[in-house]
Every structure is written in structure tokens, then in C-alpha cells.
Amino acid sequence: MNIKRRLRFFFIITAFLIANHLIDWGPFDVAVTFAQSGQALTTTTTVALIGAGQQCFTLASVAGISGFGPGINNPVAGTSAGTGNITNLYIDRELMQVVSVNATAKVVCVLHGMSGSQAAPHGAGSTVIIGPPGAFFNYDPEGYCGGPVGGVSFGGGPSNPPQFTPWINTRTAVEWICSTVTKTWAPGFNNPLVPVGAITTTSLALVAGTNTPTGPLFHTTTTNAVVTWTAPVGCNATAATASSGCSFTIIPDAICTWTAAGNIAIAGSCVVNKALTFTWDAQNQKWVPSYIA
């Protein structure tokens, strides 16, 4: 009888804690449903042409890049010892694993052709995406990515909620972004579903000066003048790569303006609810608006 009473008391207390979100279930933690964008991957660019078998090469920046062993980062050259963290680099559909980093010379040495990708030459100014091995996949994500479903998380794998953004399919270079609007996977940059299958990503409150697109299609909510558009991860808009390009579309919720003082080709303004596309012109190294109000 005492056992039954204790069990009944235990279930009553447990129900109370669950109802009031006061109990930690670890992987089954009760929480309010939310959408996560994940940790943003970073980028840099190549400085010169890289051969398919070239083990070491120079980057514009080595920030956030580490070799895979303690002391591997050549402290003799003035850099700090490695932490044991592993960094992967993704360039033009090739995945590489970093072996060592010389932060003074900004030189990395790598293992080419990781995860079934093909070793290939890469041009000067090519975009280099930086992240841990767990940030790169060889398949596309599917379905819901907004976090716990129905208040309870049963573990949705790496795609729900996403741990990194954007999601990159290393086999195809196609990118995906978890939309905080629909809480589903939206086509990102370098995705053939854009623009026809584009889904709006997080709205952007424009600031006076530099702004970064949240995806291929998004709303803007303020009237501050844009001076510079920063190329987001996956949007290969670099000054040195004349053959690459990128575009994104905004849906203005307020009249927006931009100047020609930064990297936009011509100054102008937009019309509320009239979609406006900015396209990267690599030859002139400017963003070109699709219309000017």
C-alpha cells in the first residue's frame, strides 16, 4: 500500500513539474516551440590559384581555422599551438580537412577530397566556407526545422533544430536555410529552387550602413539607407572572381533607400510590397538593383 501511495505521489509531482516546465528531461526537455537558425558558418577567400594536388596555400584570413592536433599549428612561426579542434574548408564542391595553420603567413595545409569530394584546382578569390566536420553533409535536409514539436523534443537529428547555417550539401554545393518564418527548410544561395521555390527567411531591419541578406528572399522593415550589402555565406560575390555571381530579393515593408557610396552601383529607393532584386556584377564589383523608384 505504501508503494502505491508513493508511486501516486511521484506521478502527481511529476505531472505538476511538467505542466509548469520545471523539470529537465535532457534530450526530451519540455520547451516552447521555436525556430533556430544555427551557428553561422564563416568565410574567407583564396589569395592565388590552387592546384588540385597543392597541399598548402594562402588564404585572405585564417580566423577560426585550426589544425587537427595540439601543437600542429607551427608555434615556431609565431602562432599558437593547436587546440585539437578540427576545421574543414569547402571550396567549389571540394571538401578539405585542415592539417595545420600558420597564422602569421595565413597559410593552411590540408587533406584534399574529403567525404567523397573530388580534388580540383581553385581560382584566386574563390569563396572558402569554414566550419567543423559536423557542419557539412552529403544530402539535403527535409521537413520541419523549428525545434521541439508540440512542446517536446524527441531529437530530430542534425536538421531539427539545425546546428549550423547554412546547411551545405557537399555533393552538389546546394545550400538550405531554416526559415524562422515558416520553420521549414528554405532554399538558400546556390540552390536551383531559387527563385521559383524561394521561401522567405528572417525579416531584416535595415540599418544605416552595412547590411547582410538573411537569404535569397526576405522582407525589410525599416527606412534606413543601405550603403553596403555584405555577401552572405554561399553568395560567391567576390572582387577577384569575375566569373562568379549572386543575387537576392527583398520585399519592402517600408520605403527603403540606398546610396552609391559603398558597393551598390547606383543610388535609389524602393516601393513598398514591390519585390526588388540586387544582382552582383563581378566585373564592376557592385550590386545592381532591378529597379529604382
Protein backbone atom coordinates (compact mmCIF):
# COMPACT_ATOMS: atom_id res chain seq x y z
CA MET A 1 0.00 0.00 0.00
CA ASN A 2 2.83 2.36 0.84
CA ILE A 3 4.39 1.63 -2.53
CA LYS A 4 1.17 2.55 -4.37
CA ARG A 5 0.86 5.78 -2.41
CA ARG A 6 4.45 6.69 -3.14
CA LEU A 7 4.02 5.97 -6.83
CA ARG A 8 0.82 8.04 -6.92
CA PHE A 9 2.58 10.90 -5.13
CA PHE A 10 5.52 10.63 -7.56
CA PHE A 11 3.26 10.84 -10.63
CA ILE A 12 1.33 13.80 -9.20
CA ILE A 13 4.55 15.74 -8.54
CA THR A 14 5.94 14.81 -11.95
CA ALA A 15 2.76 15.99 -13.69
CA PHE A 16 2.97 19.28 -11.79
CA LEU A 17 6.59 19.82 -12.80
CA ILE A 18 5.87 19.03 -16.44
CA ALA A 19 2.89 21.37 -16.53
CA ASN A 20 5.00 24.18 -15.14
CA HIS A 21 8.15 23.42 -17.20
CA LEU A 22 10.20 22.89 -14.06
CA ILE A 23 11.74 19.54 -14.89
CA ASP A 24 14.73 18.93 -17.12
CA TRP A 25 14.32 15.88 -19.35
CA GLY A 26 17.63 16.27 -21.14
CA PRO A 27 17.05 15.29 -24.78
CA PHE A 28 13.28 15.20 -24.09
CA ASP A 29 13.22 18.61 -22.46
CA VAL A 30 9.87 20.38 -22.48
CA ALA A 31 10.12 23.80 -24.08
CA VAL A 32 8.28 26.37 -26.12
CA THR A 33 8.41 25.64 -29.85
CA PHE A 34 10.91 27.87 -31.61
CA ALA A 35 12.91 28.17 -34.81
CA GLN A 36 16.68 28.13 -34.74
CA SER A 37 18.97 29.30 -37.45
CA GLY A 38 22.04 27.55 -36.03
CA GLN A 39 25.61 28.76 -35.68
CA ALA A 40 26.60 30.78 -38.73
CA LEU A 41 29.47 29.42 -40.80
CA THR A 42 32.19 31.89 -41.74
CA THR A 43 34.05 32.52 -44.98
CA THR A 44 37.32 33.77 -46.38
CA THR A 45 38.82 33.72 -49.89
CA THR A 46 41.79 32.16 -51.66
CA VAL A 47 44.66 34.51 -52.49
CA ALA A 48 46.03 32.75 -55.57
CA LEU A 49 45.32 29.82 -57.86
CA ILE A 50 45.39 26.48 -56.01
CA GLY A 51 46.45 23.29 -57.79
CA ALA A 52 44.44 20.09 -57.35
CA GLY A 53 47.33 18.45 -55.51
CA GLN A 54 48.64 21.54 -53.73
CA GLN A 55 48.80 20.68 -50.05
CA CYS A 56 49.50 24.17 -48.65
CA PHE A 57 48.11 27.53 -49.83
CA THR A 58 47.43 31.06 -48.62
CA LEU A 59 44.07 32.48 -47.57
CA ALA A 60 42.95 36.06 -47.05
CA SER A 61 42.24 35.19 -43.40
CA VAL A 62 42.72 32.13 -41.19
CA ALA A 63 40.45 33.31 -38.37
CA GLY A 64 38.53 30.38 -36.90
CA ILE A 65 40.70 27.77 -38.64
CA SER A 66 42.59 25.16 -36.64
CA GLY A 67 44.69 22.07 -37.36
CA PHE A 68 43.65 18.67 -36.01
CA GLY A 69 46.31 18.18 -33.35
CA PRO A 70 47.87 20.01 -30.39
CA GLY A 71 50.97 21.87 -31.49
CA ILE A 72 50.24 21.28 -35.17
CA ASN A 73 49.83 25.00 -35.91
CA ASN A 74 53.55 25.71 -36.10
CA PRO A 75 54.16 27.82 -32.95
CA VAL A 76 57.71 28.49 -34.18
CA ALA A 77 56.28 30.87 -36.76
CA GLY A 78 54.56 32.92 -34.08
CA THR A 79 51.21 31.16 -33.99
CA SER A 80 49.60 29.49 -31.02
CA ALA A 81 49.56 25.75 -30.51
CA GLY A 82 46.58 23.78 -31.83
CA THR A 83 43.62 23.04 -29.59
CA GLY A 84 42.78 19.68 -31.14
CA ASN A 85 39.75 21.16 -32.90
CA ILE A 86 39.21 20.08 -36.49
CA THR A 87 38.32 22.54 -39.23
CA ASN A 88 37.03 21.72 -42.68
CA LEU A 89 37.15 24.01 -45.70
CA TYR A 90 34.67 23.86 -48.57
CA ILE A 91 35.65 25.35 -51.94
CA ASP A 92 33.81 24.81 -55.23
CA ARG A 93 32.28 21.44 -54.24
CA GLU A 94 35.53 20.16 -52.73
CA LEU A 95 35.72 19.44 -49.00
CA MET A 96 39.14 19.66 -47.33
CA GLN A 97 40.35 18.86 -43.83
CA VAL A 98 42.85 21.28 -42.31
CA VAL A 99 46.05 19.65 -41.06
CA SER A 100 47.98 22.74 -39.96
CA VAL A 101 47.72 26.52 -39.91
CA ASN A 102 50.40 29.20 -39.99
CA ALA A 103 48.52 32.25 -38.70
CA THR A 104 51.44 34.59 -39.38
CA ALA A 105 51.73 33.73 -43.08
CA LYS A 106 47.99 32.85 -43.33
CA VAL A 107 48.90 29.51 -44.87
CA VAL A 108 46.88 26.33 -44.36
CA CYS A 109 47.88 22.77 -45.21
CA VAL A 110 45.03 20.40 -45.99
CA LEU A 111 43.93 16.91 -46.98
CA HIS A 112 42.08 17.19 -50.30
CA GLY A 113 38.94 15.39 -51.50
CA MET A 114 37.28 14.59 -48.18
CA SER A 115 33.87 12.91 -47.84
CA GLY A 116 33.92 11.63 -51.42
CA SER A 117 34.50 15.04 -53.00
CA GLN A 118 36.97 15.44 -55.85
CA ALA A 119 40.28 17.27 -55.52
CA ALA A 120 40.29 20.13 -58.00
CA PRO A 121 42.08 23.41 -58.77
CA HIS A 122 40.51 26.60 -57.40
CA GLY A 123 40.86 30.12 -58.74
CA ALA A 124 42.10 33.19 -56.91
CA GLY A 125 39.34 34.89 -54.94
CA SER A 126 37.22 31.74 -54.59
CA THR A 127 34.95 31.70 -51.56
CA VAL A 128 36.14 29.38 -48.79
CA ILE A 129 33.48 28.22 -46.31
CA ILE A 130 34.84 27.41 -42.84
CA GLY A 131 33.31 25.02 -40.34
CA PRO A 132 33.74 21.86 -38.25
CA PRO A 133 33.16 18.47 -39.91
CA GLY A 134 29.66 18.32 -38.40
CA ALA A 135 28.63 21.37 -40.43
CA PHE A 136 28.90 19.64 -43.81
CA PHE A 137 26.59 16.95 -45.18
CA ASN A 138 26.22 14.94 -48.39
CA TYR A 139 22.42 15.13 -48.53
CA ASP A 140 19.64 17.74 -48.37
CA PRO A 141 17.59 18.38 -45.21
CA GLU A 142 13.84 17.79 -45.19
CA GLY A 143 10.74 18.94 -43.38
CA TYR A 144 10.36 20.89 -40.17
CA CYS A 145 13.36 22.60 -38.58
CA GLY A 146 11.77 24.79 -35.90
CA GLY A 147 12.92 22.83 -32.86
CA PRO A 148 10.77 20.87 -30.38
CA VAL A 149 7.45 19.66 -31.82
CA GLY A 150 4.36 20.01 -29.66
CA GLY A 151 6.45 21.32 -26.79
CA VAL A 152 8.64 18.21 -26.61
CA SER A 153 11.89 17.50 -28.41
CA PHE A 154 12.40 13.86 -29.34
CA GLY A 155 15.62 14.50 -31.21
CA GLY A 156 15.31 15.48 -34.86
CA GLY A 157 18.90 14.76 -35.85
CA PRO A 158 21.20 17.48 -37.21
CA SER A 159 18.38 19.09 -39.22
CA ASN A 160 15.94 19.85 -36.37
CA PRO A 161 16.96 22.19 -34.97
CA PRO A 162 19.95 22.92 -37.23
CA GLN A 163 23.31 23.22 -35.51
CA PHE A 164 24.92 25.30 -38.27
CA THR A 165 23.73 27.61 -41.01
CA PRO A 166 23.56 27.39 -43.92
CA TRP A 167 23.13 23.65 -44.43
CA ILE A 168 25.54 22.67 -47.22
CA ASN A 169 25.23 19.57 -49.37
CA THR A 170 28.87 18.93 -50.26
CA ARG A 171 27.99 16.74 -53.25
CA THR A 172 26.01 19.45 -55.03
CA ALA A 173 27.06 22.71 -53.25
CA VAL A 174 23.33 23.38 -52.77
CA GLU A 175 22.54 25.35 -49.61
CA TRP A 176 19.50 25.43 -47.33
CA ILE A 177 18.40 27.83 -44.60
CA CYS A 178 15.98 27.11 -41.76
CA SER A 179 13.31 29.79 -42.22
CA THR A 180 12.25 31.39 -38.94
CA VAL A 181 9.06 32.43 -40.78
CA THR A 182 7.80 29.01 -41.91
CA LYS A 183 10.05 26.89 -39.65
CA THR A 184 10.82 24.72 -42.67
CA TRP A 185 13.92 24.35 -44.81
CA ALA A 186 14.11 27.16 -47.38
CA PRO A 187 16.32 27.10 -50.50
CA GLY A 188 19.49 29.07 -49.83
CA PHE A 189 22.09 30.52 -52.14
CA ASN A 190 23.39 28.35 -54.98
CA ASN A 191 20.11 26.42 -54.86
CA PRO A 192 18.35 25.62 -58.18
CA LEU A 193 14.94 26.08 -56.49
CA VAL A 194 15.59 29.84 -56.29
CA PRO A 195 13.79 31.98 -57.32
CA VAL A 196 10.74 29.83 -58.21
CA GLY A 197 10.77 27.84 -54.97
CA ALA A 198 12.13 30.57 -52.71
CA ILE A 199 10.73 30.80 -49.16
CA THR A 200 11.03 33.97 -47.11
CA THR A 201 13.67 33.89 -44.42
CA THR A 202 14.07 36.14 -41.38
CA SER A 203 12.98 39.75 -41.92
CA LEU A 204 15.78 42.29 -41.87
CA ALA A 205 15.56 45.61 -40.04
CA LEU A 206 17.81 47.72 -42.25
CA VAL A 207 20.48 49.79 -40.52
CA ALA A 208 22.19 52.86 -41.92
CA GLY A 209 25.38 51.47 -43.45
CA THR A 210 26.23 47.79 -43.89
CA ASN A 211 23.58 45.05 -44.02
CA THR A 212 23.71 41.29 -44.65
CA PRO A 213 20.89 39.45 -46.50
CA THR A 214 19.22 36.71 -44.46
CA GLY A 215 18.59 34.57 -47.54
CA PRO A 216 17.63 34.73 -51.23
CA LEU A 217 14.19 36.20 -50.33
CA PHE A 218 13.28 38.25 -47.24
CA HIS A 219 11.30 41.26 -46.03
CA THR A 220 12.88 44.56 -44.96
CA THR A 221 11.21 46.59 -42.24
CA THR A 222 12.91 49.98 -41.83
CA THR A 223 13.79 53.04 -43.91
CA ASN A 224 17.49 53.44 -43.06
CA ALA A 225 19.76 53.96 -46.06
CA VAL A 226 21.85 50.95 -47.11
CA VAL A 227 25.43 51.75 -48.11
CA THR A 228 26.89 48.25 -48.44
CA TRP A 229 25.47 44.75 -48.86
CA THR A 230 27.70 42.10 -47.31
CA ALA A 231 27.79 38.88 -49.32
CA PRO A 232 26.35 36.11 -47.11
CA VAL A 233 27.77 32.59 -46.89
CA GLY A 234 27.25 30.81 -50.19
CA CYS A 235 26.87 34.00 -52.19
CA ASN A 236 30.14 33.99 -54.11
CA ALA A 237 30.29 37.74 -54.71
CA THR A 238 34.00 38.49 -54.55
CA ALA A 239 36.05 41.13 -56.28
CA ALA A 240 38.66 38.69 -57.51
CA THR A 241 36.35 36.10 -59.08
CA ALA A 242 34.98 37.70 -62.24
CA SER A 243 33.05 34.60 -63.28
CA SER A 244 31.00 34.23 -60.09
CA GLY A 245 27.81 35.99 -59.15
CA CYS A 246 24.88 36.08 -56.79
CA SER A 247 21.51 37.76 -56.28
CA PHE A 248 18.87 38.20 -53.60
CA THR A 249 15.38 39.69 -53.50
CA ILE A 250 13.82 41.90 -50.83
CA ILE A 251 10.13 42.60 -50.20
CA PRO A 252 10.00 46.08 -48.63
CA ASP A 253 7.52 46.59 -45.79
CA ALA A 254 8.62 50.23 -45.67
CA ILE A 255 10.16 52.57 -48.23
CA CYS A 256 13.87 51.73 -48.32
CA THR A 257 16.75 53.71 -49.76
CA TRP A 258 20.35 53.04 -50.67
CA THR A 259 23.36 55.09 -51.68
CA ALA A 260 26.18 54.60 -54.18
CA ALA A 261 28.86 55.34 -51.58
CA GLY A 262 29.58 51.64 -50.97
CA ASN A 263 29.22 48.58 -53.19
CA ILE A 264 25.85 49.39 -54.81
CA ALA A 265 26.07 50.52 -58.43
CA ILE A 266 23.53 53.34 -58.32
CA ALA A 267 21.59 55.13 -55.58
CA GLY A 268 17.82 54.79 -55.38
CA SER A 269 14.76 53.81 -53.38
CA CYS A 270 12.18 51.04 -53.38
CA VAL A 271 8.39 50.71 -53.44
CA VAL A 272 6.53 49.04 -50.56
CA ASN A 273 5.48 45.47 -51.43
CA LYS A 274 7.24 45.61 -54.81
CA ALA A 275 9.97 42.96 -54.92
CA LEU A 276 13.45 44.34 -55.56
CA THR A 277 16.39 42.18 -56.65
CA PHE A 278 20.05 43.03 -56.19
CA THR A 279 22.44 41.19 -58.52
CA TRP A 280 26.21 41.07 -58.10
CA ASP A 281 28.16 42.40 -61.08
CA ALA A 282 31.62 40.86 -60.65
CA GLN A 283 33.10 42.94 -63.46
CA ASN A 284 32.29 46.26 -61.79
CA GLN A 285 32.29 44.77 -58.28
CA LYS A 286 28.88 46.27 -57.45
CA TRP A 287 25.36 45.20 -56.55
CA VAL A 288 22.91 46.24 -59.28
CA PRO A 289 19.26 46.96 -58.30
CA SER A 290 16.46 45.67 -60.55
CA TYR A 291 14.63 48.99 -60.39
CA ILE A 292 14.83 52.49 -58.90
CA ALA A 293 11.71 54.24 -57.66
